[in-house]
Each structure stands twice: as C-alpha cells, then as structure tokens.
Amino acid sequence: MPAPLTLEAFRADLAEFLYQQPDEVDLEENPMDAGLGSLRIVTLLERWRETGS
C-alpha cells in the first residue's frame, strides 16, 4: 500500500513548482495566488495519483 502524502512532501512539491524553498511556502495562501498555474496543479495531481498519494 502506498504511503499517504505527508505535509512535508506536499510542501516540498509545492515549493518545487513555485521555485521556492519548502519553508517559504505559505500553506495558508491559495496556490493560485502564489503563482501556481492550473496546468502545474494538474501536473502535481497526476504525480500524486501515480504515487498513490
């Protein structure tokens, strides 16, 4: 059974797509407002789906 997506992994993935360090990601901010486009969100969702997260 795949491991669930952890908060650390979620933050690291968002940081990668926002060109930030994980500790710079504000989890209270809407990712779209932070600069994450809809295509990048779909890419993240596909990544998580492939890993079973």
Protein backbone atom coordinates (compact mmCIF):
# COMPACT_ATOMS: atom_id res chain seq x y z
CA MET A 1 0.00 0.00 0.00
CA PRO A 2 1.44 3.41 -0.95
CA ALA A 3 2.32 5.86 1.77
CA PRO A 4 -0.04 8.79 2.21
CA LEU A 5 1.10 12.23 1.13
CA THR A 6 2.70 13.90 4.13
CA LEU A 7 2.57 17.60 4.86
CA GLU A 8 6.33 17.77 4.32
CA ALA A 9 6.06 16.12 0.89
CA PHE A 10 3.11 18.33 -0.05
CA ARG A 11 5.06 21.45 0.91
CA ALA A 12 8.17 20.23 -0.94
CA ASP A 13 6.17 19.54 -4.10
CA LEU A 14 4.52 22.96 -3.98
CA ALA A 15 7.89 24.60 -3.39
CA GLU A 16 9.36 22.85 -6.41
CA PHE A 17 6.62 24.19 -8.68
CA LEU A 18 6.74 27.68 -7.12
CA TYR A 19 10.55 27.86 -7.34
CA GLN A 20 10.79 28.33 -3.58
CA GLN A 21 12.30 26.55 -0.63
CA PRO A 22 9.83 24.36 1.27
CA ASP A 23 9.99 26.59 4.36
CA GLU A 24 8.99 29.57 2.19
CA VAL A 25 5.67 28.02 1.15
CA ASP A 26 2.75 29.61 2.98
CA LEU A 27 0.17 26.85 3.38
CA GLU A 28 -2.48 29.44 4.24
CA GLU A 29 -2.11 31.12 0.83
CA ASN A 30 -4.08 29.94 -2.17
CA PRO A 31 -1.58 28.21 -4.51
CA MET A 32 -3.10 30.04 -7.49
CA ASP A 33 -2.49 33.38 -5.76
CA ALA A 34 1.09 32.29 -5.03
CA GLY A 35 1.69 31.82 -8.76
CA LEU A 36 0.87 28.16 -9.32
CA GLY A 37 -0.98 27.87 -12.62
CA SER A 38 -3.75 25.41 -13.33
CA LEU A 39 -1.55 23.23 -15.56
CA ARG A 40 1.02 22.90 -12.79
CA ILE A 41 -1.71 21.95 -10.34
CA VAL A 42 -2.86 19.21 -12.74
CA THR A 43 0.75 18.03 -13.03
CA LEU A 44 1.01 17.83 -9.24
CA LEU A 45 -2.26 15.91 -9.03
CA GLU A 46 -1.03 13.45 -11.65
CA ARG A 47 2.23 12.98 -9.74
CA TRP A 48 0.37 12.27 -6.51
CA ARG A 49 -2.06 9.93 -8.26
CA GLU A 50 0.82 7.96 -9.83
CA THR A 51 2.47 7.53 -6.44
CA GLY A 52 -0.81 6.58 -4.79
CA SER A 53 -0.81 9.62 -2.54
